[in-house]
C-alpha atoms as a PDB file:
ATOM      1  CA  MET A   1      11.758 -11.042   0.058  1.00  0.00           C
ATOM      2  CA  LYS A   2      10.547  -9.161  -3.013  1.00  0.00           C
ATOM      3  CA  HIS A   3       6.920  -8.050  -2.962  1.00  0.00           C
ATOM      4  CA  SER A   4       4.501  -6.919  -5.639  1.00  0.00           C
ATOM      5  CA  PHE A   5       3.000  -3.477  -5.313  1.00  0.00           C
ATOM      6  CA  GLY A   6      -0.426  -5.018  -4.750  1.00  0.00           C
ATOM      7  CA  SER A   7       0.798  -7.276  -1.950  1.00  0.00           C
ATOM      8  CA  ILE A   8       2.223  -4.220  -0.181  1.00  0.00           C
ATOM      9  CA  VAL A   9      -1.064  -2.334  -0.492  1.00  0.00           C
ATOM     10  CA  LYS A  10      -3.052  -5.333   0.719  1.00  0.00           C
ATOM     11  CA  ALA A  11      -0.688  -5.980   3.651  1.00  0.00           C
ATOM     12  CA  TYR A  12      -0.965  -2.355   4.732  1.00  0.00           C
ATOM     13  CA  ARG A  13      -4.743  -2.344   4.407  1.00  0.00           C
ATOM     14  CA  GLU A  14      -5.173  -5.601   6.323  1.00  0.00           C
ATOM     15  CA  ARG A  15      -2.797  -4.588   9.108  1.00  0.00           C
ATOM     16  CA  LYS A  16      -4.747  -1.362   9.526  1.00  0.00           C
ATOM     17  CA  ARG A  17      -7.967  -3.421   9.399  1.00  0.00           C
ATOM     18  CA  LEU A  18      -9.364  -1.313   6.577  1.00  0.00           C
ATOM     19  CA  THR A  19     -11.663  -2.409   3.791  1.00  0.00           C
ATOM     20  CA  GLN A  20     -10.915  -1.260   0.270  1.00  0.00           C
ATOM     21  CA  LEU A  21     -13.771   1.225   0.626  1.00  0.00           C
ATOM     22  CA  GLU A  22     -12.345   2.597   3.874  1.00  0.00           C
ATOM     23  CA  LEU A  23      -8.931   3.022   2.251  1.00  0.00           C
ATOM     24  CA  ALA A  24     -10.578   4.837  -0.670  1.00  0.00           C
ATOM     25  CA  VAL A  25     -12.389   7.124   1.784  1.00  0.00           C
ATOM     26  CA  LYS A  26      -9.110   7.731   3.642  1.00  0.00           C
ATOM     27  CA  SER A  27      -7.631   8.858   0.323  1.00  0.00           C
ATOM     28  CA  LYS A  28     -10.294  11.602   0.140  1.00  0.00           C
ATOM     29  CA  GLY A  29     -11.161  10.691  -3.427  1.00  0.00           C
ATOM     30  CA  GLU A  30      -7.568  10.305  -4.643  1.00  0.00           C
ATOM     31  CA  LEU A  31      -7.950   6.532  -5.129  1.00  0.00           C
ATOM     32  CA  SER A  32     -11.056   4.586  -6.104  1.00  0.00           C
ATOM     33  CA  THR A  33     -12.013   1.161  -4.810  1.00  0.00           C
ATOM     34  CA  ALA A  34     -11.532  -0.095  -8.386  1.00  0.00           C
ATOM     35  CA  THR A  35      -7.924   1.149  -8.400  1.00  0.00           C
ATOM     36  CA  ILE A  36      -7.241  -0.394  -5.000  1.00  0.00           C
ATOM     37  CA  SER A  37      -8.818  -3.693  -6.053  1.00  0.00           C
ATOM     38  CA  LYS A  38      -6.834  -3.778  -9.299  1.00  0.00           C
ATOM     39  CA  ALA A  39      -3.600  -3.030  -7.421  1.00  0.00           C
ATOM     40  CA  GLU A  40      -4.258  -5.857  -4.958  1.00  0.00           C
ATOM     41  CA  THR A  41      -5.415  -8.507  -7.414  1.00  0.00           C
ATOM     42  CA  ASP A  42      -3.505  -7.921 -10.653  1.00  0.00           C
ATOM     43  CA  PRO A  43       0.072  -9.219 -10.244  1.00  0.00           C
ATOM     44  CA  SER A  44       1.150  -7.209 -13.285  1.00  0.00           C
ATOM     45  CA  TYR A  45      -0.299  -3.939 -11.910  1.00  0.00           C
ATOM     46  CA  ASN A  46       2.261  -1.212 -12.370  1.00  0.00           C
ATOM     47  CA  PRO A  47       0.856   2.141 -11.226  1.00  0.00           C
ATOM     48  CA  LYS A  48       1.653   5.456 -12.846  1.00  0.00           C
ATOM     49  CA  LEU A  49       4.047   7.535 -10.760  1.00  0.00           C
ATOM     50  CA  THR A  50       1.246   9.843  -9.642  1.00  0.00           C
ATOM     51  CA  THR A  51      -0.843   6.884  -8.458  1.00  0.00           C
ATOM     52  CA  PHE A  52       2.176   5.346  -6.718  1.00  0.00           C
ATOM     53  CA  ILE A  53       2.738   8.613  -4.849  1.00  0.00           C
ATOM     54  CA  LYS A  54      -0.936   8.760  -3.823  1.00  0.00           C
ATOM     55  CA  PHE A  55      -0.730   5.234  -2.420  1.00  0.00           C
ATOM     56  CA  TYR A  56       2.411   5.713  -0.370  1.00  0.00           C
ATOM     57  CA  LYS A  57       1.272   9.076   1.021  1.00  0.00           C
ATOM     58  CA  ILE A  58      -2.106   7.647   2.063  1.00  0.00           C
ATOM     59  CA  MET A  59      -0.413   4.603   3.599  1.00  0.00           C
ATOM     60  CA  ASP A  60       1.907   6.979   5.511  1.00  0.00           C
ATOM     61  CA  VAL A  61       4.979   4.980   4.524  1.00  0.00           C
ATOM     62  CA  SER A  62       8.238   6.538   3.384  1.00  0.00           C
ATOM     63  CA  PHE A  63       9.113   6.402  -0.285  1.00  0.00           C
ATOM     64  CA  GLU A  64      12.384   4.680   0.590  1.00  0.00           C
ATOM     65  CA  GLU A  65      10.649   1.965   2.611  1.00  0.00           C
ATOM     66  CA  ILE A  66       8.114   1.107  -0.068  1.00  0.00           C
ATOM     67  CA  VAL A  67      10.792   1.008  -2.794  1.00  0.00           C
ATOM     68  CA  ALA A  68      13.049  -1.165  -0.617  1.00  0.00           C
ATOM     69  CA  THR A  69      10.137  -3.552  -0.104  1.00  0.00           C
ATOM     70  CA  LEU A  70       9.415  -3.677  -3.828  1.00  0.00           C
ATOM     71  CA  GLU A  71      13.078  -4.430  -4.505  1.00  0.00           C
ATOM     72  CA  GLY A  72      13.264  -7.037  -1.752  1.00  0.00           C
ATOM     73  CA  ASN A  73      15.667  -5.048   0.418  1.00  0.00           C
ATOM     74  CA  ALA A  74      13.343  -4.397   3.359  1.00  0.00           C
ATOM     75  CA  ASP A  75      12.900  -6.566   6.416  1.00  0.00           C
ATOM     76  CA  ASP A  76       9.907  -8.894   6.710  1.00  0.00           C
ATOM     77  CA  LYS A  77       8.187  -6.580   9.189  1.00  0.00           C
ATOM     78  CA  TRP A  78       6.708  -4.373   6.480  1.00  0.00           C
ATOM     79  CA  PRO A  79       4.952  -2.085   6.794  1.00  0.00           C
ATOM     80  CA  ARG A  80       6.728  -1.139   9.984  1.00  0.00           C
ATOM     81  CA  HIS A  81       4.575   1.944  10.557  1.00  0.00           C
ATOM     82  CA  ALA A  82       1.326   0.010  10.293  1.00  0.00           C
ATOM     83  CA  GLN A  83       2.492  -2.655  12.734  1.00  0.00           C
ATOM     84  CA  GLU A  84       3.839  -0.244  15.327  1.00  0.00           C
ATOM     85  CA  ASN A  85       0.796   1.985  15.394  1.00  0.00           C
ATOM     86  CA  GLY A  86      -1.977  -0.569  14.990  1.00  0.00           C
ATOM     87  CA  THR A  87      -5.260   0.629  13.593  1.00  0.00           C
ATOM     88  CA  SER A  88      -6.114   4.230  12.801  1.00  0.00           C
END
């Protein structure tokens, strides 16, 4: 199943039981709550490469896994890392 970038961010955040503010804090100032909110709510949100990299590094998900999910080539257990490890 193909996913939007925002749905991936939201799924990660919810599985980790983080608020948007907590995710912003986890990013140590790299991402604002406004950026996170826009990513999650705007279906046409297409982040700059630098922002994309910040998101996937903070979410501790491999580049390959997030791209596969965006393209619809990942399994439905995304994000695997978040599910296996539970909350931070």
